[in-house]
Amino acid sequence: MSNGPLTDAQLAELQALEKLSDEDIDTGDIPEITDEQWRLARKGNLYRPLKQSVTIRVDADILDWFKSHAGGRGYQTDINAALRTHIARHQKESG
């Protein structure tokens, strides 16, 4: 798959598809998503940001909590998720 510009043929195909009504689009070969699939869906699973190794000092009880609540996942992943949630909350407040 190329990230280059679309060819004239590709642009023409997209324009033709854009003109179709929803009823004219055949989705017979695409299965409907079930409620269970939506329940298990996770936002952003395909996004993999670059990781950077750092040394950080945290209180021992904080580290113990994350390690004991990791549930088989990496506690560092949970710490990263908590920091990401904190940032998102503050961006909403200041945005």
C-alpha atoms as a PDB file:
ATOM      1  CA  MET A   1       0.000   0.000   0.000  1.00  0.00           C
ATOM      2  CA  SER A   2       1.396   3.354  -1.025  1.00  0.00           C
ATOM      3  CA  ASN A   3       1.132   6.651   0.799  1.00  0.00           C
ATOM      4  CA  GLY A   4       1.682   8.518  -2.460  1.00  0.00           C
ATOM      5  CA  PRO A   5      -0.904  10.586  -4.301  1.00  0.00           C
ATOM      6  CA  LEU A   6      -3.935   8.819  -5.767  1.00  0.00           C
ATOM      7  CA  THR A   7      -4.028   8.078  -9.451  1.00  0.00           C
ATOM      8  CA  ASP A   8      -6.717   9.548 -11.709  1.00  0.00           C
ATOM      9  CA  ALA A   9      -8.400   6.127 -11.832  1.00  0.00           C
ATOM     10  CA  GLN A  10      -8.434   5.887  -8.026  1.00  0.00           C
ATOM     11  CA  LEU A  11      -9.873   9.386  -7.703  1.00  0.00           C
ATOM     12  CA  ALA A  12     -12.574   8.570 -10.248  1.00  0.00           C
ATOM     13  CA  GLU A  13     -13.479   5.390  -8.357  1.00  0.00           C
ATOM     14  CA  LEU A  14     -13.741   7.287  -5.068  1.00  0.00           C
ATOM     15  CA  GLN A  15     -15.925   9.945  -6.671  1.00  0.00           C
ATOM     16  CA  ALA A  16     -18.231   7.261  -8.088  1.00  0.00           C
ATOM     17  CA  LEU A  17     -18.486   5.568  -4.696  1.00  0.00           C
ATOM     18  CA  GLU A  18     -19.219   8.889  -3.018  1.00  0.00           C
ATOM     19  CA  LYS A  19     -22.271   9.350  -5.243  1.00  0.00           C
ATOM     20  CA  LEU A  20     -23.808   5.999  -4.220  1.00  0.00           C
ATOM     21  CA  SER A  21     -26.601   6.024  -1.654  1.00  0.00           C
ATOM     22  CA  ASP A  22     -26.280   3.760   1.375  1.00  0.00           C
ATOM     23  CA  GLU A  23     -28.950   1.467  -0.064  1.00  0.00           C
ATOM     24  CA  ASP A  24     -26.948   0.988  -3.265  1.00  0.00           C
ATOM     25  CA  ILE A  25     -23.860  -0.266  -1.435  1.00  0.00           C
ATOM     26  CA  ASP A  26     -23.701  -4.078  -1.208  1.00  0.00           C
ATOM     27  CA  THR A  27     -22.475  -5.012   2.282  1.00  0.00           C
ATOM     28  CA  GLY A  28     -23.611  -8.636   2.005  1.00  0.00           C
ATOM     29  CA  ASP A  29     -20.070  -9.957   2.352  1.00  0.00           C
ATOM     30  CA  ILE A  30     -19.393  -7.910   5.491  1.00  0.00           C
ATOM     31  CA  PRO A  31     -20.708  -9.487   8.713  1.00  0.00           C
ATOM     32  CA  GLU A  32     -22.505  -7.242  11.171  1.00  0.00           C
ATOM     33  CA  ILE A  33     -20.607  -6.420  14.359  1.00  0.00           C
ATOM     34  CA  THR A  34     -22.196  -8.050  17.376  1.00  0.00           C
ATOM     35  CA  ASP A  35     -22.851  -6.412  20.748  1.00  0.00           C
ATOM     36  CA  GLU A  36     -20.180  -8.710  22.200  1.00  0.00           C
ATOM     37  CA  GLN A  37     -17.601  -7.442  19.695  1.00  0.00           C
ATOM     38  CA  TRP A  38     -18.438  -3.828  20.571  1.00  0.00           C
ATOM     39  CA  ARG A  39     -18.173  -4.699  24.273  1.00  0.00           C
ATOM     40  CA  LEU A  40     -14.673  -6.085  23.748  1.00  0.00           C
ATOM     41  CA  ALA A  41     -13.543  -3.289  21.424  1.00  0.00           C
ATOM     42  CA  ARG A  42     -10.641  -1.188  22.615  1.00  0.00           C
ATOM     43  CA  LYS A  43      -9.857   2.291  21.366  1.00  0.00           C
ATOM     44  CA  GLY A  44      -6.366   2.892  20.057  1.00  0.00           C
ATOM     45  CA  ASN A  45      -5.121  -0.699  19.992  1.00  0.00           C
ATOM     46  CA  LEU A  46      -3.399  -0.133  16.663  1.00  0.00           C
ATOM     47  CA  TYR A  47      -1.531   2.955  17.819  1.00  0.00           C
ATOM     48  CA  ARG A  48       1.920   2.095  19.140  1.00  0.00           C
ATOM     49  CA  PRO A  49       3.779   5.175  20.349  1.00  0.00           C
ATOM     50  CA  LEU A  50       7.533   5.102  20.608  1.00  0.00           C
ATOM     51  CA  LYS A  51       8.674   4.020  24.046  1.00  0.00           C
ATOM     52  CA  GLN A  52      11.553   5.659  25.829  1.00  0.00           C
ATOM     53  CA  SER A  53      13.378   4.073  28.721  1.00  0.00           C
ATOM     54  CA  VAL A  54      13.613   6.361  31.763  1.00  0.00           C
ATOM     55  CA  THR A  55      14.551   6.110  35.395  1.00  0.00           C
ATOM     56  CA  ILE A  56      11.932   7.552  37.714  1.00  0.00           C
ATOM     57  CA  ARG A  57      11.689   7.556  41.478  1.00  0.00           C
ATOM     58  CA  VAL A  58       8.250   6.835  42.897  1.00  0.00           C
ATOM     59  CA  ASP A  59       7.073   6.131  46.423  1.00  0.00           C
ATOM     60  CA  ALA A  60       7.410   2.463  47.365  1.00  0.00           C
ATOM     61  CA  ASP A  61       3.699   2.116  48.194  1.00  0.00           C
ATOM     62  CA  ILE A  62       2.745   3.480  44.757  1.00  0.00           C
ATOM     63  CA  LEU A  63       5.013   0.991  43.006  1.00  0.00           C
ATOM     64  CA  ASP A  64       3.737  -1.866  45.199  1.00  0.00           C
ATOM     65  CA  TRP A  65       0.144  -0.958  44.348  1.00  0.00           C
ATOM     66  CA  PHE A  66       0.769  -0.991  40.602  1.00  0.00           C
ATOM     67  CA  LYS A  67       2.693  -4.278  40.834  1.00  0.00           C
ATOM     68  CA  SER A  68      -0.034  -5.944  42.908  1.00  0.00           C
ATOM     69  CA  HIS A  69      -2.833  -4.734  40.617  1.00  0.00           C
ATOM     70  CA  ALA A  70      -1.145  -5.529  37.289  1.00  0.00           C
ATOM     71  CA  GLY A  71      -3.166  -8.732  36.926  1.00  0.00           C
ATOM     72  CA  GLY A  72      -0.704 -10.445  34.620  1.00  0.00           C
ATOM     73  CA  ARG A  73      -0.026  -7.317  32.590  1.00  0.00           C
ATOM     74  CA  GLY A  74       3.090  -5.267  33.018  1.00  0.00           C
ATOM     75  CA  TYR A  75       2.861  -2.796  35.873  1.00  0.00           C
ATOM     76  CA  GLN A  76       4.826  -0.290  33.808  1.00  0.00           C
ATOM     77  CA  THR A  77       2.102  -0.420  31.164  1.00  0.00           C
ATOM     78  CA  ASP A  78      -0.457   0.395  33.863  1.00  0.00           C
ATOM     79  CA  ILE A  79       1.637   3.300  35.136  1.00  0.00           C
ATOM     80  CA  ASN A  80       1.880   4.626  31.569  1.00  0.00           C
ATOM     81  CA  ALA A  81      -1.903   4.300  31.137  1.00  0.00           C
ATOM     82  CA  ALA A  82      -2.493   6.175  34.419  1.00  0.00           C
ATOM     83  CA  LEU A  83      -0.194   8.982  33.290  1.00  0.00           C
ATOM     84  CA  ARG A  84      -1.921   9.123  29.892  1.00  0.00           C
ATOM     85  CA  THR A  85      -5.341   9.366  31.600  1.00  0.00           C
ATOM     86  CA  HIS A  86      -4.028  12.148  33.856  1.00  0.00           C
ATOM     87  CA  ILE A  87      -2.744  14.102  30.852  1.00  0.00           C
ATOM     88  CA  ALA A  88      -5.990  13.666  28.911  1.00  0.00           C
ATOM     89  CA  ARG A  89      -8.015  14.896  31.901  1.00  0.00           C
ATOM     90  CA  HIS A  90      -5.885  18.004  32.240  1.00  0.00           C
ATOM     91  CA  GLN A  91      -5.974  18.696  28.497  1.00  0.00           C
ATOM     92  CA  LYS A  92      -9.782  18.675  28.634  1.00  0.00           C
ATOM     93  CA  GLU A  93      -9.771  21.067  31.590  1.00  0.00           C
ATOM     94  CA  SER A  94      -7.383  23.513  29.926  1.00  0.00           C
ATOM     95  CA  GLY A  95      -8.750  23.040  26.377  1.00  0.00           C
END
